[in-house]
Structure formats: C-alpha cells, structure tokens
C-alpha cells in the first residue's frame, strides 16, 4: 500500500490507544500519534538500501524485502520502541504511557506487513523459515476508499486547527482525484466514494470520541474484507472460464487486482502450462456485470511491452480478454541458467514474459506491464554484464514449474489469493 494509507492506519491505531487511556495528557497524545504513524511506515525504510543493486533489480528485490518479513518487522518495531521509550522517558512520560508507546511501535510494522500482503505485489512474511511470496490479490496499492472511511473520523478527532485542516485537505484531495482521472474510475464508483465519505463524516459528527475511533477502525477493516470477498468471486469467474475453455492446460497461478475504489472491475493475469509452453493471459473481470459489464471497465494498459495476441475466446459481460502471450518454458529455464541477471529477476516475477532483441533480452512481469517503454518491472539484460550482488534468497514464484514439481490441474497453494 502507499504511505498515506499506512500513515492513516497508524493514526487510527494511535487514536484507539488514546481512547483507552484515562489520562490523555497532550504529551502522550502527540507521542502516541507520532510513534504509531512512524511505525506504520517503518518497513518502507528498505527503499534506503534498494540502491545496492542496479535498477530495476534493486527495487524489485529489496523493496518489500527483509523489512517486510515478520522477523524484520518485529526487529524494527522493537528498535523503535526502545528508542521512543528512552527519549520520552527523558521528557517526563512514565509507566503505562511508555508501555502503550512501545506497543504501538511494535504493532505498526506488523500492520504494515498485513496491508502490503493484501495486494498483487505480495510479500514473503515468513522468511527466513520460508522464502516464498504470499499474494493477497485483494486491494489496489492506492485505495481511495481507505481515505474515505478513515479521514472523516480523524478530522473530527484532530486536536488543533492546523492538523484538522491538513487532514481535511487530504480527504478533499482523495475525493477529487478520481474525478480528475475519470477515465480510470467509473462514475458509479466516484459517486459511491463520495457517499462513503459522507456517511463516515455523518457518523463521526454524531459519535463521541470512542465512536469516531470505532468508525475509522471498523471502516478500514471492512474495506479490506469487502474487497477480499468480492475478489473470491472474480477468481471463481475466471478460474471457471479457464477450466472450460482450455481444459488441457495446467493452471499454476492467477494474479488479481481490483481497480482503485472499484470492487466491480478486476484485472487478472493467468499463468498456465500448455504442453511445454508457458501461457499468460490478461483479462478484465466484471464481478457485477448487470451494473458494470466488462466492456465498460477501465483498462490498466492499452499498449504493452509484451507482444500480446488476441485470445481465442470472445469473452462476455463478465470477462474482457486483453491478450495472450506464450513461449516454450524450456527457454525460460535456459535463460535463468545462462543469465544471472534474469535468474535474479525471476526471484520477483510472477508472470514473466521475455523478448529476444539484437542487443540482449528484455524480460518483464505481465502484472505490471502497462506501457510500451520499459517499466519498473522490466529488465533489459545485455551481453557482457556482470552478476548482480546482494541478491536476496526469495523463492521464485515460478520455481515449481521451472523445476517440474508443479502438480497438474492445481494452482500452487502459496500463490493463491489470501
């Protein structure tokens, strides 16, 4: 998730702790909110050392890396707790106040991991015990509905005009932006977003302090749970179509992501094995086609680096096919064995495609292929390059199919949406 959402989660948790305390001194309130907001963003400190590898590998392999594991998150949280307690003790806080500050410092990174695990990018939370990626496939990385449910109560809870104006301006920006990019957010979703913010504002105005915290906390959770529930329907729709139309193919993975503020339209990339070929199909899925059919859903990309071909299925109101790409799986295995840069890239890529060019190999991940020029998830590997250093030990998402261990007809359990 983006850092505004992580900050909002931290502020909501901070307000929840403040509401539980009888003694709410200004020093404790400020310390709790600041510590919780900082803790909620702490795992993204990995961006500071992502430059140890050249682009794009540094970002792809180290962002959402060691700091986005349970072990790393706990270590960061404990370090922040020790630092915060030491500093705040000198400033007069003591006893229960410091314990709550320490609790927020440790909780923040763990909540961050859970939020990040909810989208299509994924995390590997169980490293060093298990280096496999976990993909929630439930929430877009920038979700305005989180702003709409959390910001009105936070505005009502704000202490001080400047802070209230800051949060109010952020809420206004979150409501206006979808209208600026109207082609990407359907009208029904823009109206629904405003309605959700209005309901949250009304509830915050009518409720007391604890009620406002409850609205923000419950609303935040309901956004994640709601998208996850609708995502199960989207997964069922395309899984059924894949099985009916291409029954001889073995499905390895299915990457899903909704559009922002839009549980009705989902982008999907399927990864299947057809004989010796790796087959990638991109589709848009409408989960409520009577309200918003697939033909009216926005598309993430009209042009791609991958040379997609038409899918041999017409689609319908529930599915709009965007294209298909296929190549011999043996080529990918050979490339990984011969090219250490490509082998490193495959520790990230969930739906890899590749192109042979005169000046080298271009390899990318179809999940994030949204333009013809090379994007952040695409690598141009040229002859004569050296091997990258500091490659983390993440298990490649396609490790099972590349080693022949994939069980025919079943998606890999570690890849399914949570």
Protein backbone atom coordinates (compact mmCIF):
# COMPACT_ATOMS: atom_id res chain seq x y z
CA UNK A 1 0.00 0.00 0.00
CA UNK A 2 1.06 3.60 -0.44
CA UNK A 3 2.34 5.56 2.52
CA UNK A 4 -0.75 7.70 3.09
CA UNK A 5 -2.75 4.55 3.81
CA UNK A 6 -0.03 3.28 6.16
CA UNK A 7 0.01 6.64 7.93
CA UNK A 8 -3.77 6.61 8.31
CA UNK A 9 -3.63 3.10 9.76
CA UNK A 10 -1.03 4.28 12.25
CA UNK A 11 -3.11 7.31 13.24
CA UNK A 12 -6.23 5.18 13.71
CA UNK A 13 -4.34 2.74 15.94
CA UNK A 14 -2.86 5.64 17.88
CA UNK A 15 -6.30 7.16 18.43
CA UNK A 16 -7.59 3.75 19.56
CA UNK A 17 -4.91 3.56 22.25
CA UNK A 18 -5.55 7.17 23.30
CA UNK A 19 -9.26 6.38 23.67
CA UNK A 20 -8.41 3.53 26.04
CA UNK A 21 -6.38 5.78 28.35
CA UNK A 22 -7.97 7.83 31.10
CA UNK A 23 -5.01 10.16 31.43
CA UNK A 24 -4.70 11.76 27.99
CA UNK A 25 -2.01 14.33 28.50
CA UNK A 26 -1.05 16.37 25.43
CA UNK A 27 2.46 14.91 25.55
CA UNK A 28 1.14 11.35 25.48
CA UNK A 29 -1.33 12.12 22.68
CA UNK A 30 1.35 13.67 20.47
CA UNK A 31 3.81 10.88 21.23
CA UNK A 32 1.29 8.11 20.58
CA UNK A 33 0.17 9.52 17.24
CA UNK A 34 3.68 10.29 16.02
CA UNK A 35 5.11 6.93 17.10
CA UNK A 36 2.22 4.97 15.61
CA UNK A 37 2.34 6.83 12.29
CA UNK A 38 6.12 6.37 12.09
CA UNK A 39 5.88 2.68 12.99
CA UNK A 40 3.26 2.17 10.30
CA UNK A 41 5.73 3.37 7.66
CA UNK A 42 8.94 1.93 9.09
CA UNK A 43 9.19 -1.19 6.86
CA UNK A 44 9.44 1.06 3.80
CA UNK A 45 12.87 2.13 5.04
CA UNK A 46 14.10 -0.64 2.73
CA UNK A 47 13.99 1.93 -0.06
CA UNK A 48 17.13 3.42 1.51
CA UNK A 49 19.25 0.39 0.61
CA UNK A 50 17.47 -0.73 -2.56
CA UNK A 51 20.22 1.11 -4.44
CA UNK A 52 22.73 -1.61 -3.52
CA UNK A 53 21.65 -3.21 -6.82
CA UNK A 54 21.16 -1.56 -10.19
CA UNK A 55 17.66 -0.73 -11.35
CA UNK A 56 15.24 -2.36 -11.66
CA UNK A 57 16.55 -5.28 -9.58
CA UNK A 58 17.34 -3.20 -6.51
CA UNK A 59 13.77 -2.00 -6.15
CA UNK A 60 12.09 -5.24 -7.20
CA UNK A 61 14.09 -7.48 -4.86
CA UNK A 62 14.79 -5.24 -1.87
CA UNK A 63 11.59 -3.19 -1.62
CA UNK A 64 9.14 -5.38 0.27
CA UNK A 65 12.25 -7.30 1.23
CA UNK A 66 13.76 -8.12 4.61
CA UNK A 67 11.93 -5.28 6.37
CA UNK A 68 8.64 -6.74 5.11
CA UNK A 69 9.04 -10.02 6.96
CA UNK A 70 7.60 -10.80 10.38
CA UNK A 71 11.13 -11.17 11.76
CA UNK A 72 12.28 -7.91 10.19
CA UNK A 73 9.12 -6.05 11.16
CA UNK A 74 9.39 -7.14 14.78
CA UNK A 75 13.05 -6.15 14.88
CA UNK A 76 12.24 -2.69 13.52
CA UNK A 77 9.34 -2.29 15.92
CA UNK A 78 11.38 -3.31 18.96
CA UNK A 79 14.19 -0.95 17.94
CA UNK A 80 11.70 1.91 17.57
CA UNK A 81 10.08 1.03 20.90
CA UNK A 82 13.42 1.10 22.74
CA UNK A 83 14.34 4.42 21.13
CA UNK A 84 10.96 6.04 21.73
CA UNK A 85 10.78 4.92 25.35
CA UNK A 86 14.29 6.19 26.05
CA UNK A 87 13.56 9.60 24.51
CA UNK A 88 10.09 10.03 26.02
CA UNK A 89 11.21 8.98 29.50
CA UNK A 90 13.58 11.94 29.48
CA UNK A 91 10.64 14.14 28.54
CA UNK A 92 8.56 13.10 31.51
CA UNK A 93 6.43 10.19 30.29
CA UNK A 94 6.41 7.13 32.50
CA UNK A 95 4.64 3.91 33.45
CA UNK A 96 1.61 2.95 31.40
CA UNK A 97 2.18 5.71 28.85
CA UNK A 98 5.55 4.29 27.87
CA UNK A 99 4.20 0.76 27.67
CA UNK A 100 1.48 1.85 25.26
CA UNK A 101 4.03 3.76 23.18
CA UNK A 102 6.14 0.61 23.00
CA UNK A 103 3.10 -1.42 21.99
CA UNK A 104 2.28 0.96 19.13
CA UNK A 105 5.91 0.90 17.96
CA UNK A 106 5.89 -2.89 17.68
CA UNK A 107 2.36 -3.16 16.27
CA UNK A 108 2.85 -0.67 13.44
CA UNK A 109 5.29 -2.67 11.27
CA UNK A 110 3.19 -5.83 11.63
CA UNK A 111 0.06 -4.00 10.47
CA UNK A 112 2.12 -2.61 7.59
CA UNK A 113 3.04 -6.16 6.53
CA UNK A 114 -0.59 -7.25 6.61
CA UNK A 115 -1.69 -4.32 4.47
CA UNK A 116 1.07 -4.86 1.91
CA UNK A 117 0.34 -8.57 1.74
CA UNK A 118 -3.20 -7.74 0.63
CA UNK A 119 -2.29 -6.65 -2.89
CA UNK A 120 -0.92 -8.22 -6.05
CA UNK A 121 2.70 -7.21 -5.42
CA UNK A 122 2.94 -9.53 -2.42
CA UNK A 123 5.39 -10.10 0.43
CA UNK A 124 7.34 -13.03 1.89
CA UNK A 125 6.46 -12.64 5.57
CA UNK A 126 7.78 -15.98 6.83
CA UNK A 127 11.41 -15.57 5.79
CA UNK A 128 13.92 -16.91 6.90
CA UNK A 129 11.81 -20.03 7.56
CA UNK A 130 10.06 -19.82 4.19
CA UNK A 131 11.20 -17.56 1.35
CA UNK A 132 8.08 -17.96 -0.79
CA UNK A 133 5.96 -14.96 -1.77
CA UNK A 134 2.44 -14.55 -0.41
CA UNK A 135 -0.05 -12.65 -2.57
CA UNK A 136 -3.33 -11.33 -1.15
CA UNK A 137 -4.67 -10.17 -4.56
CA UNK A 138 -7.40 -8.19 -2.79
CA UNK A 139 -6.72 -4.43 -2.69
CA UNK A 140 -5.18 -1.97 -5.15
CA UNK A 141 -1.96 -0.36 -3.93
CA UNK A 142 -3.69 3.07 -3.81
CA UNK A 143 -7.21 2.63 -2.42
CA UNK A 144 -9.24 5.86 -2.01
CA UNK A 145 -11.93 4.07 -0.02
CA UNK A 146 -9.46 3.74 2.86
CA UNK A 147 -9.08 7.51 2.86
CA UNK A 148 -12.85 7.98 2.64
CA UNK A 149 -13.63 5.85 5.71
CA UNK A 150 -10.68 6.85 7.93
CA UNK A 151 -10.15 10.55 7.33
CA UNK A 152 -13.54 11.97 8.44
CA UNK A 153 -13.25 10.46 11.96
CA UNK A 154 -9.60 11.53 12.14
CA UNK A 155 -10.60 15.08 11.19
CA UNK A 156 -13.22 15.06 13.95
CA UNK A 157 -10.65 13.72 16.43
CA UNK A 158 -7.95 16.21 15.42
CA UNK A 159 -6.58 18.48 18.15
CA UNK A 160 -5.63 21.81 16.67
CA UNK A 161 -6.75 23.74 13.61
CA UNK A 162 -3.63 23.16 11.51
CA UNK A 163 -3.83 19.38 11.90
CA UNK A 164 -7.56 19.41 11.20
CA UNK A 165 -7.04 21.45 8.02
CA UNK A 166 -4.24 19.12 6.89
CA UNK A 167 -6.39 16.01 7.28
CA UNK A 168 -9.39 17.74 5.72
CA UNK A 169 -7.31 18.79 2.71
CA UNK A 170 -6.09 15.23 2.31
CA UNK A 171 -9.68 13.97 2.36
CA UNK A 172 -10.68 16.53 -0.26
CA UNK A 173 -7.75 15.52 -2.47
CA UNK A 174 -8.73 11.86 -2.18
CA UNK A 175 -12.28 12.64 -3.28
CA UNK A 176 -11.31 14.99 -6.13
CA UNK A 177 -8.53 12.89 -7.69
CA UNK A 178 -10.87 10.15 -9.03
CA UNK A 179 -12.82 12.86 -10.87
CA UNK A 180 -9.58 14.20 -12.38
CA UNK A 181 -8.73 10.73 -13.72
CA UNK A 182 -12.36 9.99 -14.54
CA UNK A 183 -11.46 7.58 -17.33
CA UNK A 184 -9.84 5.29 -14.79
CA UNK A 185 -12.63 5.37 -12.16
CA UNK A 186 -16.20 4.77 -13.43
CA UNK A 187 -18.92 7.25 -12.47
CA UNK A 188 -20.72 4.79 -10.20
CA UNK A 189 -17.50 4.29 -8.21
CA UNK A 190 -16.80 8.02 -7.95
CA UNK A 191 -20.30 8.64 -6.62
CA UNK A 192 -20.00 5.71 -4.21
CA UNK A 193 -16.69 7.07 -2.92
CA UNK A 194 -18.27 10.43 -2.11
CA UNK A 195 -21.22 8.66 -0.47
CA UNK A 196 -18.91 6.58 1.74
CA UNK A 197 -17.04 9.72 2.82
CA UNK A 198 -20.35 11.46 3.55
CA UNK A 199 -21.59 8.55 5.68
CA UNK A 200 -18.29 8.39 7.55
CA UNK A 201 -18.46 12.15 8.13
CA UNK A 202 -22.03 11.94 9.41
CA UNK A 203 -21.13 9.12 11.76
CA UNK A 204 -18.08 11.00 13.03
CA UNK A 205 -20.17 14.12 13.65
CA UNK A 206 -22.81 12.20 15.61
CA UNK A 207 -20.46 9.94 17.58
CA UNK A 208 -18.31 10.60 20.59
CA UNK A 209 -14.55 10.16 20.71
CA UNK A 210 -14.61 6.38 21.07
CA UNK A 211 -17.35 6.10 18.47
CA UNK A 212 -15.22 8.01 15.98
CA UNK A 213 -12.30 5.67 16.60
CA UNK A 214 -14.61 2.70 16.09
CA UNK A 215 -15.92 4.09 12.79
CA UNK A 216 -12.40 4.57 11.45
CA UNK A 217 -11.11 1.21 12.66
CA UNK A 218 -14.11 -0.84 11.55
CA UNK A 219 -14.37 1.03 8.25
CA UNK A 220 -10.71 0.40 7.49
CA UNK A 221 -11.12 -3.32 8.13
CA UNK A 222 -14.35 -3.54 6.13
CA UNK A 223 -12.65 -2.12 3.03
CA UNK A 224 -10.07 -4.90 3.11
CA UNK A 225 -12.60 -7.61 3.93
CA UNK A 226 -15.07 -6.37 1.32
CA UNK A 227 -12.52 -6.37 -1.49
CA UNK A 228 -11.27 -9.79 -0.41
CA UNK A 229 -14.80 -11.20 -0.54
CA UNK A 230 -15.50 -9.75 -3.99
CA UNK A 231 -12.09 -10.93 -5.14
CA UNK A 232 -13.12 -14.51 -4.43
CA UNK A 233 -15.98 -14.06 -6.89
CA UNK A 234 -13.63 -12.59 -9.51
CA UNK A 235 -11.26 -15.52 -9.03
CA UNK A 236 -14.12 -18.00 -9.39
CA UNK A 237 -15.32 -16.35 -12.62
CA UNK A 238 -12.01 -16.52 -14.46
CA UNK A 239 -10.99 -19.88 -12.97
CA UNK A 240 -14.19 -21.41 -14.29
CA UNK A 241 -13.65 -19.86 -17.74
CA UNK A 242 -10.06 -21.07 -17.93
CA UNK A 243 -11.10 -24.61 -17.00
CA UNK A 244 -13.97 -24.68 -19.50
CA UNK A 245 -12.16 -23.10 -22.46
CA UNK A 246 -8.69 -24.61 -22.05
CA UNK A 247 -9.27 -27.84 -20.10
CA UNK A 248 -5.94 -29.38 -21.13
CA UNK A 249 -3.88 -26.58 -19.61
CA UNK A 250 -2.50 -26.80 -16.08
CA UNK A 251 -3.09 -23.64 -14.04
CA UNK A 252 -0.14 -22.56 -11.94
CA UNK A 253 -1.17 -19.10 -10.78
CA UNK A 254 -3.79 -16.39 -11.10
CA UNK A 255 -2.82 -12.83 -10.20
CA UNK A 256 -5.72 -10.48 -9.43
CA UNK A 257 -6.05 -6.83 -8.54
CA UNK A 258 -9.10 -4.57 -8.38
CA UNK A 259 -9.15 -1.10 -9.83
CA UNK A 260 -8.98 1.78 -7.30
CA UNK A 261 -12.27 2.46 -5.50
CA UNK A 262 -13.81 -0.18 -7.74
CA UNK A 263 -14.74 -3.64 -6.45
CA UNK A 264 -16.70 -4.27 -9.67
CA UNK A 265 -13.73 -4.41 -12.09
CA UNK A 266 -10.66 -6.61 -11.64
CA UNK A 267 -7.52 -7.09 -13.71
CA UNK A 268 -6.32 -10.69 -13.93
CA UNK A 269 -3.23 -12.42 -15.30
CA UNK A 270 -3.38 -16.20 -15.52
CA UNK A 271 -0.26 -18.36 -15.64
CA UNK A 272 -0.86 -21.78 -17.19
CA UNK A 273 1.20 -24.58 -18.70
CA UNK A 274 0.12 -25.95 -22.09
CA UNK A 275 2.33 -28.89 -23.01
CA UNK A 276 5.78 -27.36 -22.84
CA UNK A 277 4.61 -23.75 -23.18
CA UNK A 278 4.21 -21.07 -20.55
CA UNK A 279 0.96 -19.23 -21.31
CA UNK A 280 -0.01 -15.84 -19.88
CA UNK A 281 -3.47 -14.36 -20.41
CA UNK A 282 -4.59 -10.93 -19.30
CA UNK A 283 -8.27 -10.20 -18.71
CA UNK A 284 -10.63 -7.72 -17.12
CA UNK A 285 -13.34 -9.26 -14.94
CA UNK A 286 -16.67 -7.68 -14.02
CA UNK A 287 -17.98 -9.05 -10.72
CA UNK A 288 -21.38 -7.35 -11.08
CA UNK A 289 -21.87 -7.30 -14.83
CA UNK A 290 -25.50 -6.17 -14.65
CA UNK A 291 -24.30 -2.93 -13.04
CA UNK A 292 -20.98 -2.52 -14.84
CA UNK A 293 -20.09 -5.04 -17.52
CA UNK A 294 -16.53 -5.86 -18.52
CA UNK A 295 -16.65 -3.78 -21.70
CA UNK A 296 -17.19 -0.65 -19.59
CA UNK A 297 -14.45 -1.41 -17.08
CA UNK A 298 -11.33 0.75 -17.45
CA UNK A 299 -8.18 -0.96 -18.66
CA UNK A 300 -4.80 -0.76 -16.95
CA UNK A 301 -2.99 -0.75 -20.27
CA UNK A 302 -3.80 -0.33 -23.96
CA UNK A 303 -0.19 -0.84 -25.06
CA UNK A 304 2.32 -3.23 -23.54
CA UNK A 305 5.94 -4.27 -23.88
CA UNK A 306 4.80 -7.89 -24.18
CA UNK A 307 3.55 -8.64 -27.73
CA UNK A 308 0.09 -9.84 -26.71
CA UNK A 309 -2.05 -11.66 -29.26
CA UNK A 310 -5.85 -11.97 -29.37
CA UNK A 311 -7.31 -14.67 -27.12
CA UNK A 312 -9.25 -17.43 -28.86
CA UNK A 313 -12.34 -16.76 -26.76
CA UNK A 314 -14.80 -13.94 -27.33
CA UNK A 315 -15.46 -13.11 -23.70
CA UNK A 316 -18.80 -11.77 -22.48
CA UNK A 317 -20.29 -9.32 -20.00
CA UNK A 318 -18.22 -10.85 -17.19
CA UNK A 319 -14.83 -11.18 -18.95
CA UNK A 320 -12.97 -9.00 -21.44
CA UNK A 321 -9.81 -10.64 -22.72
CA UNK A 322 -6.87 -8.26 -23.18
CA UNK A 323 -4.46 -10.67 -24.86
CA UNK A 324 -2.32 -13.79 -24.58
CA UNK A 325 1.43 -14.43 -24.66
CA UNK A 326 3.14 -17.82 -24.87
CA UNK A 327 6.63 -19.25 -25.25
CA UNK A 328 8.40 -22.53 -24.50
CA UNK A 329 9.04 -22.91 -20.79
CA UNK A 330 12.39 -24.50 -21.64
CA UNK A 331 13.55 -21.12 -22.97
CA UNK A 332 12.95 -19.51 -19.60
CA UNK A 333 14.78 -22.31 -17.81
CA UNK A 334 17.71 -21.90 -20.20
CA UNK A 335 17.78 -18.12 -19.76
CA UNK A 336 17.80 -18.48 -15.97
CA UNK A 337 20.69 -20.93 -16.15
CA UNK A 338 22.76 -18.79 -18.53
CA UNK A 339 22.00 -15.26 -17.29
CA UNK A 340 22.42 -14.36 -13.61
CA UNK A 341 20.51 -11.08 -14.05
CA UNK A 342 17.49 -12.93 -15.39
CA UNK A 343 17.81 -15.53 -12.62
CA UNK A 344 17.71 -12.70 -10.07
CA UNK A 345 14.71 -11.10 -11.80
CA UNK A 346 12.82 -14.40 -11.59
CA UNK A 347 13.01 -14.18 -7.79
CA UNK A 348 10.39 -11.44 -8.23
CA UNK A 349 8.49 -12.17 -11.45
CA UNK A 350 5.14 -13.86 -11.03
CA UNK A 351 4.05 -13.74 -14.68
CA UNK A 352 7.29 -13.42 -16.68
CA UNK A 353 7.46 -12.74 -20.40
CA UNK A 354 10.61 -12.26 -22.44
CA UNK A 355 11.71 -10.94 -25.83
CA UNK A 356 14.90 -11.64 -27.72
CA UNK A 357 16.37 -8.49 -29.21
CA UNK A 358 19.59 -7.85 -31.10
CA UNK A 359 21.05 -6.03 -28.09
CA UNK A 360 20.00 -8.62 -25.50
CA UNK A 361 16.98 -10.00 -23.66
CA UNK A 362 14.05 -7.99 -22.34
CA UNK A 363 12.18 -9.74 -19.54
CA UNK A 364 9.22 -8.36 -17.63
CA UNK A 365 6.29 -9.21 -15.39
CA UNK A 366 2.91 -9.01 -17.11
CA UNK A 367 1.26 -7.96 -13.84
CA UNK A 368 2.87 -4.54 -14.21
CA UNK A 369 3.30 -4.23 -17.99
CA UNK A 370 1.25 -1.12 -18.75
CA UNK A 371 3.20 0.71 -21.46
CA UNK A 372 5.42 0.00 -24.46
CA UNK A 373 8.57 1.61 -22.99
CA UNK A 374 10.28 -0.45 -20.31
CA UNK A 375 8.55 -0.01 -16.96
CA UNK A 376 9.69 -0.52 -13.38
CA UNK A 377 9.13 -4.30 -13.56
CA UNK A 378 11.05 -4.90 -16.79
CA UNK A 379 14.74 -5.69 -17.24
CA UNK A 380 16.94 -5.26 -20.30
CA UNK A 381 19.75 -7.79 -19.90
CA UNK A 382 22.62 -7.11 -22.29
CA UNK A 383 25.58 -9.33 -23.20
CA UNK A 384 28.71 -8.93 -21.10
CA UNK A 385 27.06 -7.67 -17.93
CA UNK A 386 28.29 -8.78 -14.53
CA UNK A 387 26.23 -10.69 -12.00
CA UNK A 388 24.28 -8.57 -9.50
CA UNK A 389 25.44 -8.53 -5.89
CA UNK A 390 23.25 -8.76 -2.80
CA UNK A 391 20.57 -10.94 -4.40
CA UNK A 392 18.13 -11.90 -1.61
CA UNK A 393 17.07 -15.53 -1.19
CA UNK A 394 13.40 -15.19 -2.16
CA UNK A 395 11.91 -18.30 -3.73
CA UNK A 396 11.00 -17.57 -7.39
CA UNK A 397 7.21 -17.57 -7.87
CA UNK A 398 7.69 -19.97 -10.82
CA UNK A 399 10.13 -22.26 -9.01
CA UNK A 400 7.74 -25.22 -9.09
CA UNK A 401 7.02 -25.12 -12.82
CA UNK A 402 10.65 -24.46 -13.73
CA UNK A 403 11.79 -27.48 -11.75
CA UNK A 404 8.92 -29.71 -12.90
CA UNK A 405 7.36 -30.05 -9.43
CA UNK A 406 4.06 -28.37 -10.26
CA UNK A 407 1.03 -30.62 -9.79
CA UNK A 408 -1.12 -30.66 -12.90
CA UNK A 409 -4.53 -29.03 -12.62
CA UNK A 410 -3.91 -27.23 -9.34
CA UNK A 411 -2.75 -23.74 -8.54
CA UNK A 412 0.23 -23.56 -6.22
CA UNK A 413 -1.14 -23.15 -2.67
CA UNK A 414 1.41 -20.47 -1.82
CA UNK A 415 0.27 -18.35 -4.76
CA UNK A 416 -3.47 -18.28 -4.18
CA UNK A 417 -5.09 -15.06 -3.05
CA UNK A 418 -5.49 -14.91 0.71
